[in-house]
PDB file of N, CA and C in Angstrom:
ATOM      1  N   MET A   1       0.833  -1.172   0.000  1.00  0.00           N
ATOM      2  CA  MET A   1       0.000   0.000   0.000  1.00  0.00           C
ATOM      3  C   MET A   1       0.883   1.242   0.000  1.00  0.00           C
ATOM      4  N   ASP A   2       0.498   2.220  -0.742  1.00  0.00           N
ATOM      5  CA  ASP A   2       1.253   3.445  -0.860  1.00  0.00           C
ATOM      6  C   ASP A   2       1.183   4.238   0.449  1.00  0.00           C
ATOM      7  N   VAL A   3       2.268   4.936   0.771  1.00  0.00           N
ATOM      8  CA  VAL A   3       2.332   5.695   2.014  1.00  0.00           C
ATOM      9  C   VAL A   3       1.286   6.810   2.028  1.00  0.00           C
ATOM     10  N   TYR A   4       1.061   7.445   0.885  1.00  0.00           N
ATOM     11  CA  TYR A   4       0.141   8.576   0.828  1.00  0.00           C
ATOM     12  C   TYR A   4      -1.327   8.156   0.880  1.00  0.00           C
ATOM     13  N   MET A   5      -1.605   6.888   0.755  1.00  0.00           N
ATOM     14  CA  MET A   5      -2.978   6.405   0.803  1.00  0.00           C
ATOM     15  C   MET A   5      -3.383   5.961   2.208  1.00  0.00           C
ATOM     16  N   SER A   6      -2.438   5.912   3.125  1.00  0.00           N
ATOM     17  CA  SER A   6      -2.771   5.441   4.467  1.00  0.00           C
ATOM     18  C   SER A   6      -3.408   6.559   5.287  1.00  0.00           C
ATOM     19  N   LEU A   7      -4.311   6.172   6.148  1.00  0.00           N
ATOM     20  CA  LEU A   7      -5.024   7.117   6.998  1.00  0.00           C
ATOM     21  C   LEU A   7      -4.094   7.774   8.006  1.00  0.00           C
ATOM     22  N   SER A   8      -3.153   7.033   8.532  1.00  0.00           N
ATOM     23  CA  SER A   8      -2.266   7.586   9.552  1.00  0.00           C
ATOM     24  C   SER A   8      -1.355   8.673   8.979  1.00  0.00           C
ATOM     25  N   TYR A   9      -1.025   8.600   7.705  1.00  0.00           N
ATOM     26  CA  TYR A   9      -0.212   9.649   7.084  1.00  0.00           C
ATOM     27  C   TYR A   9      -0.961  10.981   7.097  1.00  0.00           C
ATOM     28  N   TRP A  10      -2.218  10.966   6.708  1.00  0.00           N
ATOM     29  CA  TRP A  10      -3.001  12.198   6.611  1.00  0.00           C
ATOM     30  C   TRP A  10      -3.369  12.751   7.984  1.00  0.00           C
ATOM     31  N   LEU A  11      -3.588  11.897   8.959  1.00  0.00           N
ATOM     32  CA  LEU A  11      -3.988  12.371  10.282  1.00  0.00           C
ATOM     33  C   LEU A  11      -2.838  12.990  11.072  1.00  0.00           C
ATOM     34  N   PHE A  12      -1.610  12.819  10.603  1.00  0.00           N
ATOM     35  CA  PHE A  12      -0.467  13.433  11.272  1.00  0.00           C
ATOM     36  C   PHE A  12      -0.007  14.719  10.592  1.00  0.00           C
ATOM     37  N   LEU A  13      -0.705  15.155   9.545  1.00  0.00           N
ATOM     38  CA  LEU A  13      -0.348  16.392   8.865  1.00  0.00           C
ATOM     39  C   LEU A  13      -1.152  17.559   9.428  1.00  0.00           C
ATOM     40  N   PRO A  14      -0.480  18.595   9.928  1.00  0.00           N
ATOM     41  CA  PRO A  14      -1.222  19.770  10.394  1.00  0.00           C
ATOM     42  C   PRO A  14      -1.996  20.445   9.262  1.00  0.00           C
ATOM     43  N   GLU A  15      -1.473  20.371   8.044  1.00  0.00           N
ATOM     44  CA  GLU A  15      -2.148  20.975   6.896  1.00  0.00           C
ATOM     45  C   GLU A  15      -3.495  20.314   6.632  1.00  0.00           C
ATOM     46  N   PHE A  16      -3.590  19.001   6.849  1.00  0.00           N
ATOM     47  CA  PHE A  16      -4.851  18.293   6.680  1.00  0.00           C
ATOM     48  C   PHE A  16      -5.901  18.821   7.647  1.00  0.00           C
ATOM     49  N   TRP A  17      -5.493  19.055   8.896  1.00  0.00           N
ATOM     50  CA  TRP A  17      -6.435  19.538   9.904  1.00  0.00           C
ATOM     51  C   TRP A  17      -6.834  20.986   9.643  1.00  0.00           C
ATOM     52  N   ILE A  18      -5.943  21.789   9.079  1.00  0.00           N
ATOM     53  CA  ILE A  18      -6.302  23.161   8.723  1.00  0.00           C
ATOM     54  C   ILE A  18      -7.326  23.168   7.598  1.00  0.00           C
ATOM     55  N   ILE A  19      -7.119  22.338   6.585  1.00  0.00           N
ATOM     56  CA  ILE A  19      -8.074  22.246   5.479  1.00  0.00           C
ATOM     57  C   ILE A  19      -9.420  21.725   5.975  1.00  0.00           C
ATOM     58  N   ALA A  20      -9.383  20.719   6.840  1.00  0.00           N
ATOM     59  CA  ALA A  20     -10.634  20.189   7.398  1.00  0.00           C
ATOM     60  C   ALA A  20     -11.345  21.252   8.220  1.00  0.00           C
ATOM     61  N   GLY A  21     -10.602  22.066   8.974  1.00  0.00           N
ATOM     62  CA  GLY A  21     -11.201  23.134   9.765  1.00  0.00           C
ATOM     63  C   GLY A  21     -11.850  24.199   8.892  1.00  0.00           C
ATOM     64  N   ILE A  22     -11.190  24.553   7.794  1.00  0.00           N
ATOM     65  CA  ILE A  22     -11.765  25.541   6.881  1.00  0.00           C
ATOM     66  C   ILE A  22     -13.046  25.011   6.259  1.00  0.00           C
ATOM     67  N   ILE A  23     -13.054  23.761   5.855  1.00  0.00           N
ATOM     68  CA  ILE A  23     -14.251  23.165   5.260  1.00  0.00           C
ATOM     69  C   ILE A  23     -15.387  23.111   6.276  1.00  0.00           C
ATOM     70  N   LEU A  24     -15.088  22.718   7.505  1.00  0.00           N
ATOM     71  CA  LEU A  24     -16.123  22.624   8.530  1.00  0.00           C
ATOM     72  C   LEU A  24     -16.679  23.994   8.914  1.00  0.00           C
ATOM     73  N   ILE A  25     -15.833  25.008   8.958  1.00  0.00           N
ATOM     74  CA  ILE A  25     -16.331  26.341   9.275  1.00  0.00           C
ATOM     75  C   ILE A  25     -17.153  26.890   8.118  1.00  0.00           C
ATOM     76  N   CYS A  26     -16.782  26.580   6.880  1.00  0.00           N
ATOM     77  CA  CYS A  26     -17.618  26.977   5.738  1.00  0.00           C
ATOM     78  C   CYS A  26     -18.974  26.275   5.784  1.00  0.00           C
ATOM     79  N   LEU A  27     -18.993  25.031   6.219  1.00  0.00           N
ATOM     80  CA  LEU A  27     -20.274  24.338   6.386  1.00  0.00           C
ATOM     81  C   LEU A  27     -21.093  24.971   7.508  1.00  0.00           C
ATOM     82  N   GLU A  28     -20.427  25.516   8.514  1.00  0.00           N
ATOM     83  CA  GLU A  28     -21.138  26.200   9.593  1.00  0.00           C
ATOM     84  C   GLU A  28     -21.815  27.465   9.079  1.00  0.00           C
ATOM     85  N   LEU A  29     -21.203  28.123   8.122  1.00  0.00           N
ATOM     86  CA  LEU A  29     -21.825  29.307   7.541  1.00  0.00           C
ATOM     87  C   LEU A  29     -23.133  28.960   6.843  1.00  0.00           C
ATOM     88  N   VAL A  30     -23.223  27.746   6.311  1.00  0.00           N
ATOM     89  CA  VAL A  30     -24.460  27.300   5.670  1.00  0.00           C
ATOM     90  C   VAL A  30     -25.481  26.882   6.719  1.00  0.00           C
ATOM     91  N   ASP A  31     -25.020  26.192   7.763  1.00  0.00           N
ATOM     92  CA  ASP A  31     -25.917  25.661   8.791  1.00  0.00           C
ATOM     93  C   ASP A  31     -26.306  26.735   9.809  1.00  0.00           C
ATOM     94  N   GLY A  32     -25.332  27.351  10.429  1.00  0.00           N
ATOM     95  CA  GLY A  32     -25.569  28.449  11.357  1.00  0.00           C
ATOM     96  C   GLY A  32     -26.089  28.071  12.725  1.00  0.00           C
ATOM     97  N   SER A  33     -25.937  26.834  13.142  1.00  0.00           N
ATOM     98  CA  SER A  33     -26.506  26.432  14.429  1.00  0.00           C
ATOM     99  C   SER A  33     -25.515  26.502  15.588  1.00  0.00           C
ATOM    100  N   LEU A  34     -24.235  26.637  15.327  1.00  0.00           N
ATOM    101  CA  LEU A  34     -23.158  26.678  16.337  1.00  0.00           C
ATOM    102  C   LEU A  34     -23.093  25.413  17.180  1.00  0.00           C
ATOM    103  N   ILE A  35     -23.657  24.327  16.703  1.00  0.00           N
ATOM    104  CA  ILE A  35     -23.696  23.111  17.504  1.00  0.00           C
ATOM    105  C   ILE A  35     -22.685  22.076  17.024  1.00  0.00           C
ATOM    106  N   PHE A  36     -22.586  21.871  15.724  1.00  0.00           N
ATOM    107  CA  PHE A  36     -21.806  20.742  15.228  1.00  0.00           C
ATOM    108  C   PHE A  36     -20.561  21.163  14.455  1.00  0.00           C
ATOM    109  N   PHE A  37     -20.730  21.958  13.402  1.00  0.00           N
ATOM    110  CA  PHE A  37     -19.612  22.223  12.501  1.00  0.00           C
ATOM    111  C   PHE A  37     -18.592  23.200  13.073  1.00  0.00           C
ATOM    112  N   LEU A  38     -19.029  24.234  13.775  1.00  0.00           N
ATOM    113  CA  LEU A  38     -18.088  25.209  14.324  1.00  0.00           C
ATOM    114  C   LEU A  38     -17.176  24.601  15.389  1.00  0.00           C
ATOM    115  N   PRO A  39     -17.685  23.846  16.371  1.00  0.00           N
ATOM    116  CA  PRO A  39     -16.762  23.220  17.323  1.00  0.00           C
ATOM    117  C   PRO A  39     -15.805  22.226  16.670  1.00  0.00           C
ATOM    118  N   LEU A  40     -16.291  21.481  15.680  1.00  0.00           N
ATOM    119  CA  LEU A  40     -15.391  20.558  14.991  1.00  0.00           C
ATOM    120  C   LEU A  40     -14.337  21.298  14.179  1.00  0.00           C
ATOM    121  N   GLY A  41     -14.729  22.400  13.544  1.00  0.00           N
ATOM    122  CA  GLY A  41     -13.766  23.183  12.777  1.00  0.00           C
ATOM    123  C   GLY A  41     -12.707  23.818  13.659  1.00  0.00           C
ATOM    124  N   LEU A  42     -13.135  24.415  14.764  1.00  0.00           N
ATOM    125  CA  LEU A  42     -12.166  25.013  15.689  1.00  0.00           C
ATOM    126  C   LEU A  42     -11.326  23.945  16.378  1.00  0.00           C
ATOM    127  N   GLY A  43     -11.941  22.791  16.661  1.00  0.00           N
ATOM    128  CA  GLY A  43     -11.181  21.677  17.237  1.00  0.00           C
ATOM    129  C   GLY A  43     -10.122  21.158  16.291  1.00  0.00           C
ATOM    130  N   SER A  44     -10.414  21.159  15.004  1.00  0.00           N
ATOM    131  CA  SER A  44      -9.404  20.714  14.048  1.00  0.00           C
ATOM    132  C   SER A  44      -8.271  21.734  13.930  1.00  0.00           C
ATOM    133  N   PHE A  45      -8.576  23.036  14.113  1.00  0.00           N
ATOM    134  CA  PHE A  45      -7.506  24.027  14.152  1.00  0.00           C
ATOM    135  C   PHE A  45      -6.598  23.816  15.372  1.00  0.00           C
ATOM    136  N   PHE A  46      -7.196  23.525  16.519  1.00  0.00           N
ATOM    137  CA  PHE A  46      -6.396  23.236  17.711  1.00  0.00           C
ATOM    138  C   PHE A  46      -5.606  21.938  17.559  1.00  0.00           C
ATOM    139  N   ASN A  47      -6.177  20.984  16.846  1.00  0.00           N
ATOM    140  CA  ASN A  47      -5.471  19.734  16.564  1.00  0.00           C
ATOM    141  C   ASN A  47      -4.258  20.009  15.677  1.00  0.00           C
ATOM    142  N   ALA A  48      -4.426  20.865  14.672  1.00  0.00           N
ATOM    143  CA  ALA A  48      -3.304  21.236  13.810  1.00  0.00           C
ATOM    144  C   ALA A  48      -2.233  21.965  14.608  1.00  0.00           C
ATOM    145  N   LEU A  49      -2.653  22.824  15.530  1.00  0.00           N
ATOM    146  CA  LEU A  49      -1.706  23.540  16.371  1.00  0.00           C
ATOM    147  C   LEU A  49      -0.932  22.576  17.271  1.00  0.00           C
ATOM    148  N   THR A  50      -1.622  21.600  17.821  1.00  0.00           N
ATOM    149  CA  THR A  50      -0.958  20.591  18.655  1.00  0.00           C
ATOM    150  C   THR A  50       0.064  19.803  17.845  1.00  0.00           C
ATOM    151  N   LEU A  51      -0.320  19.384  16.644  1.00  0.00           N
ATOM    152  CA  LEU A  51       0.613  18.640  15.793  1.00  0.00           C
ATOM    153  C   LEU A  51       1.792  19.501  15.364  1.00  0.00           C
ATOM    154  N   PHE A  52       1.544  20.776  15.091  1.00  0.00           N
ATOM    155  CA  PHE A  52       2.622  21.678  14.696  1.00  0.00           C
ATOM    156  C   PHE A  52       3.634  21.835  15.824  1.00  0.00           C
ATOM    157  N   PHE A  53       3.159  22.097  17.040  1.00  0.00           N
ATOM    158  CA  PHE A  53       4.074  22.237  18.169  1.00  0.00           C
ATOM    159  C   PHE A  53       4.768  20.921  18.503  1.00  0.00           C
ATOM    160  N   GLN A  54       4.079  19.823  18.281  1.00  0.00           N
ATOM    161  CA  GLN A  54       4.677  18.521  18.546  1.00  0.00           C
ATOM    162  C   GLN A  54       5.799  18.230  17.551  1.00  0.00           C
ATOM    163  N   GLU A  55       5.606  18.595  16.283  1.00  0.00           N
ATOM    164  CA  GLU A  55       6.644  18.358  15.280  1.00  0.00           C
ATOM    165  C   GLU A  55       7.864  19.248  15.497  1.00  0.00           C
ATOM    166  N   ASN A  56       7.636  20.470  15.921  1.00  0.00           N
ATOM    167  CA  ASN A  56       8.738  21.414  16.109  1.00  0.00           C
ATOM    168  C   ASN A  56       9.347  21.355  17.503  1.00  0.00           C
ATOM    169  N   GLU A  57       8.750  20.572  18.392  1.00  0.00           N
ATOM    170  CA  GLU A  57       9.222  20.371  19.758  1.00  0.00           C
ATOM    171  C   GLU A  57       9.395  21.701  20.495  1.00  0.00           C
ATOM    172  N   ASN A  58       8.473  22.632  20.273  1.00  0.00           N
ATOM    173  CA  ASN A  58       8.540  23.928  20.953  1.00  0.00           C
ATOM    174  C   ASN A  58       8.028  23.849  22.374  1.00  0.00           C
ATOM    175  N   ILE A  59       6.886  23.204  22.565  1.00  0.00           N
ATOM    176  CA  ILE A  59       6.255  23.164  23.879  1.00  0.00           C
ATOM    177  C   ILE A  59       6.299  21.766  24.472  1.00  0.00           C
ATOM    178  N   PHE A  60       5.972  20.770  23.667  1.00  0.00           N
ATOM    179  CA  PHE A  60       5.844  19.410  24.170  1.00  0.00           C
ATOM    180  C   PHE A  60       7.179  18.687  24.098  1.00  0.00           C
ATOM    181  N   ASP A  61       7.579  18.088  25.214  1.00  0.00           N
ATOM    182  CA  ASP A  61       8.783  17.264  25.213  1.00  0.00           C
ATOM    183  C   ASP A  61       8.471  15.825  24.817  1.00  0.00           C
ATOM    184  N   TYR A  62       7.226  15.478  24.859  1.00  0.00           N
ATOM    185  CA  TYR A  62       6.795  14.132  24.496  1.00  0.00           C
ATOM    186  C   TYR A  62       5.705  14.250  23.442  1.00  0.00           C
ATOM    187  N   GLN A  63       5.358  13.130  22.851  1.00  0.00           N
ATOM    188  CA  GLN A  63       4.347  13.138  21.799  1.00  0.00           C
ATOM    189  C   GLN A  63       2.963  12.959  22.404  1.00  0.00           C
ATOM    190  N   VAL A  64       2.140  13.973  22.273  1.00  0.00           N
ATOM    191  CA  VAL A  64       0.761  13.889  22.729  1.00  0.00           C
ATOM    192  C   VAL A  64      -0.025  12.997  21.779  1.00  0.00           C
ATOM    193  N   ILE A  65       0.197  13.189  20.493  1.00  0.00           N
ATOM    194  CA  ILE A  65      -0.465  12.398  19.456  1.00  0.00           C
ATOM    195  C   ILE A  65       0.583  11.466  18.865  1.00  0.00           C
ATOM    196  N   SER A  66       0.562  10.216  19.305  1.00  0.00           N
ATOM    197  CA  SER A  66       1.593   9.280  18.852  1.00  0.00           C
ATOM    198  C   SER A  66       1.072   8.242  17.868  1.00  0.00           C
ATOM    199  N   VAL A  67      -0.204   7.911  17.939  1.00  0.00           N
ATOM    200  CA  VAL A  67      -0.811   6.997  16.972  1.00  0.00           C
ATOM    201  C   VAL A  67      -2.014   7.689  16.352  1.00  0.00           C
ATOM    202  N   TRP A  68      -2.508   7.139  15.266  1.00  0.00           N
ATOM    203  CA  TRP A  68      -3.515   7.846  14.467  1.00  0.00           C
ATOM    204  C   TRP A  68      -4.809   8.107  15.225  1.00  0.00           C
ATOM    205  N   HIS A  69      -5.216   7.211  16.112  1.00  0.00           N
ATOM    206  CA  HIS A  69      -6.480   7.433  16.798  1.00  0.00           C
ATOM    207  C   HIS A  69      -6.365   8.472  17.918  1.00  0.00           C
ATOM    208  N   HIS A  70      -5.180   8.812  18.333  1.00  0.00           N
ATOM    209  CA  HIS A  70      -5.017   9.897  19.311  1.00  0.00           C
ATOM    210  C   HIS A  70      -5.414  11.237  18.699  1.00  0.00           C
ATOM    211  N   SER A  71      -5.196  11.390  17.397  1.00  0.00           N
ATOM    212  CA  SER A  71      -5.597  12.645  16.763  1.00  0.00           C
ATOM    213  C   SER A  71      -7.113  12.783  16.733  1.00  0.00           C
ATOM    214  N   LEU A  72      -7.829  11.682  16.610  1.00  0.00           N
ATOM    215  CA  LEU A  72      -9.290  11.732  16.637  1.00  0.00           C
ATOM    216  C   LEU A  72      -9.809  11.973  18.058  1.00  0.00           C
ATOM    217  N   VAL A  73      -9.111  11.424  19.039  1.00  0.00           N
ATOM    218  CA  VAL A  73      -9.503  11.650  20.441  1.00  0.00           C
ATOM    219  C   VAL A  73      -9.275  13.104  20.832  1.00  0.00           C
ATOM    220  N   THR A  74      -8.128  13.669  20.436  1.00  0.00           N
ATOM    221  CA  THR A  74      -7.882  15.071  20.759  1.00  0.00           C
ATOM    222  C   THR A  74      -8.862  15.980  20.015  1.00  0.00           C
ATOM    223  N   LEU A  75      -9.246  15.613  18.800  1.00  0.00           N
ATOM    224  CA  LEU A  75     -10.268  16.379  18.083  1.00  0.00           C
ATOM    225  C   LEU A  75     -11.586  16.366  18.851  1.00  0.00           C
ATOM    226  N   ALA A  76     -11.965  15.215  19.376  1.00  0.00           N
ATOM    227  CA  ALA A  76     -13.205  15.112  20.142  1.00  0.00           C
ATOM    228  C   ALA A  76     -13.126  15.921  21.430  1.00  0.00           C
ATOM    229  N   VAL A  77     -12.010  15.857  22.117  1.00  0.00           N
ATOM    230  CA  VAL A  77     -11.855  16.596  23.377  1.00  0.00           C
ATOM    231  C   VAL A  77     -11.882  18.106  23.123  1.00  0.00           C
ATOM    232  N   TYR A  78     -11.134  18.562  22.112  1.00  0.00           N
ATOM    233  CA  TYR A  78     -11.146  19.984  21.777  1.00  0.00           C
ATOM    234  C   TYR A  78     -12.539  20.443  21.371  1.00  0.00           C
ATOM    235  N   SER A  79     -13.240  19.634  20.596  1.00  0.00           N
ATOM    236  CA  SER A  79     -14.575  20.016  20.134  1.00  0.00           C
ATOM    237  C   SER A  79     -15.568  20.108  21.276  1.00  0.00           C
ATOM    238  N   ILE A  80     -15.483  19.200  22.225  1.00  0.00           N
ATOM    239  CA  ILE A  80     -16.384  19.241  23.382  1.00  0.00           C
ATOM    240  C   ILE A  80     -16.094  20.467  24.243  1.00  0.00           C
ATOM    241  N   ILE A  81     -14.822  20.767  24.461  1.00  0.00           N
ATOM    242  CA  ILE A  81     -14.463  21.951  25.248  1.00  0.00           C
ATOM    243  C   ILE A  81     -14.938  23.218  24.553  1.00  0.00           C
ATOM    244  N   ILE A  82     -14.739  23.302  23.251  1.00  0.00           N
ATOM    245  CA  ILE A  82     -15.176  24.483  22.500  1.00  0.00           C
ATOM    246  C   ILE A  82     -16.689  24.584  22.485  1.00  0.00           C
ATOM    247  N   SER A  83     -17.376  23.457  22.406  1.00  0.00           N
ATOM    248  CA  SER A  83     -18.836  23.469  22.408  1.00  0.00           C
ATOM    249  C   SER A  83     -19.378  24.024  23.722  1.00  0.00           C
ATOM    250  N   PHE A  84     -18.809  23.597  24.847  1.00  0.00           N
ATOM    251  CA  PHE A  84     -19.237  24.131  26.139  1.00  0.00           C
ATOM    252  C   PHE A  84     -18.892  25.610  26.277  1.00  0.00           C
ATOM    253  N   CYS A  85     -17.730  26.015  25.769  1.00  0.00           N
ATOM    254  CA  CYS A  85     -17.360  27.440  25.829  1.00  0.00           C
ATOM    255  C   CYS A  85     -18.297  28.284  24.976  1.00  0.00           C
ATOM    256  N   LEU A  86     -18.654  27.807  23.799  1.00  0.00           N
ATOM    257  CA  LEU A  86     -19.590  28.542  22.950  1.00  0.00           C
ATOM    258  C   LEU A  86     -20.958  28.658  23.600  1.00  0.00           C
ATOM    259  N   LYS A  87     -21.386  27.577  24.262  1.00  0.00           N
ATOM    260  CA  LYS A  87     -22.675  27.618  24.943  1.00  0.00           C
ATOM    261  C   LYS A  87     -22.632  28.599  26.106  1.00  0.00           C
ATOM    262  N   TRP A  88     -21.533  28.636  26.824  1.00  0.00           N
ATOM    263  CA  TRP A  88     -21.404  29.537  27.964  1.00  0.00           C
ATOM    264  C   TRP A  88     -21.345  30.992  27.510  1.00  0.00           C
ATOM    265  N   PHE A  89     -20.612  31.272  26.411  1.00  0.00           N
ATOM    266  CA  PHE A  89     -20.501  32.641  25.923  1.00  0.00           C
ATOM    267  C   PHE A  89     -21.763  33.128  25.240  1.00  0.00           C
ATOM    268  N   SER A  90     -22.564  32.220  24.697  1.00  0.00           N
ATOM    269  CA  SER A  90     -23.754  32.648  23.968  1.00  0.00           C
ATOM    270  C   SER A  90     -24.990  32.762  24.846  1.00  0.00           C
ATOM    271  N   LYS A  91     -24.872  32.474  26.133  1.00  0.00           N
ATOM    272  CA  LYS A  91     -26.004  32.639  27.045  1.00  0.00           C
ATOM    273  C   LYS A  91     -26.355  34.110  27.160  1.00  0.00           C
ATOM    274  N   THR A  92     -27.639  34.362  27.155  1.00  0.00           N
ATOM    275  CA  THR A  92     -28.065  35.738  27.378  1.00  0.00           C
ATOM    276  C   THR A  92     -28.331  35.925  28.866  1.00  0.00           C
ATOM    277  N   LYS A  93     -27.856  36.987  29.394  1.00  0.00           N
ATOM    278  CA  LYS A  93     -27.992  37.256  30.821  1.00  0.00           C
ATOM    279  C   LYS A  93     -29.189  38.163  31.109  1.00  0.00           C
ATOM    280  N   SER A  94     -29.896  38.540  30.079  1.00  0.00           N
ATOM    281  CA  SER A  94     -31.000  39.492  30.241  1.00  0.00           C
ATOM    282  C   SER A  94     -32.243  38.776  30.768  1.00  0.00           C
ATOM    283  N   GLU A  95     -32.871  39.375  31.728  1.00  0.00           N
ATOM    284  CA  GLU A  95     -34.115  38.859  32.286  1.00  0.00           C
ATOM    285  C   GLU A  95     -35.330  39.486  31.612  1.00  0.00           C
ATOM    286  N   ASP A  96     -35.123  40.474  30.754  1.00  0.00           N
ATOM    287  CA  ASP A  96     -36.213  41.175  30.115  1.00  0.00           C
ATOM    288  C   ASP A  96     -36.606  40.555  28.774  1.00  0.00           C
ATOM    289  N   ASP A  97     -36.288  39.302  28.577  1.00  0.00           N
ATOM    290  CA  ASP A  97     -36.611  38.632  27.333  1.00  0.00           C
ATOM    291  C   ASP A  97     -38.098  38.306  27.300  1.00  0.00           C
ATOM    292  N   ILE A  98     -38.711  38.465  26.154  1.00  0.00           N
ATOM    293  CA  ILE A  98     -40.139  38.216  26.016  1.00  0.00           C
ATOM    294  C   ILE A  98     -40.452  36.720  26.062  1.00  0.00           C
ATOM    295  N   ASN A  99     -39.454  35.889  25.805  1.00  0.00           N
ATOM    296  CA  ASN A  99     -39.677  34.450  25.798  1.00  0.00           C
ATOM    297  C   ASN A  99     -39.633  33.824  27.187  1.00  0.00           C
ATOM    298  N   ASN A 100     -39.294  34.577  28.205  1.00  0.00           N
ATOM    299  CA  ASN A 100     -39.318  34.075  29.575  1.00  0.00           C
ATOM    300  C   ASN A 100     -40.732  34.190  30.116  1.00  0.00           C
ATOM    301  N   TYR A 101     -41.343  33.083  30.448  1.00  0.00           N
ATOM    302  CA  TYR A 101     -42.726  33.079  30.921  1.00  0.00           C
ATOM    303  C   TYR A 101     -42.779  32.963  32.417  1.00  0.00           C
TER     304      TYR A 101
END
């Protein structure tokens, strides 16, 4: 099997995660719900940042993402954290809303 056809090759490229993040954020512009595509897009940007720092050994002395499924786990963790942060920041603090019964 060719090296470029393997899944683990693509999941270790920060450029792949940047492209995936751009595509997911563009899909968020179509959807607009802030629930699914935006957290995944921002999570993929953080995943690319983690891989970039890991390759350049700037911050991490050890490999956070060492096998291909670790990149998917970190994507899920980043997306969940971003989803909760978006929910917390988008709360309205106003009590004068007409929808409050």
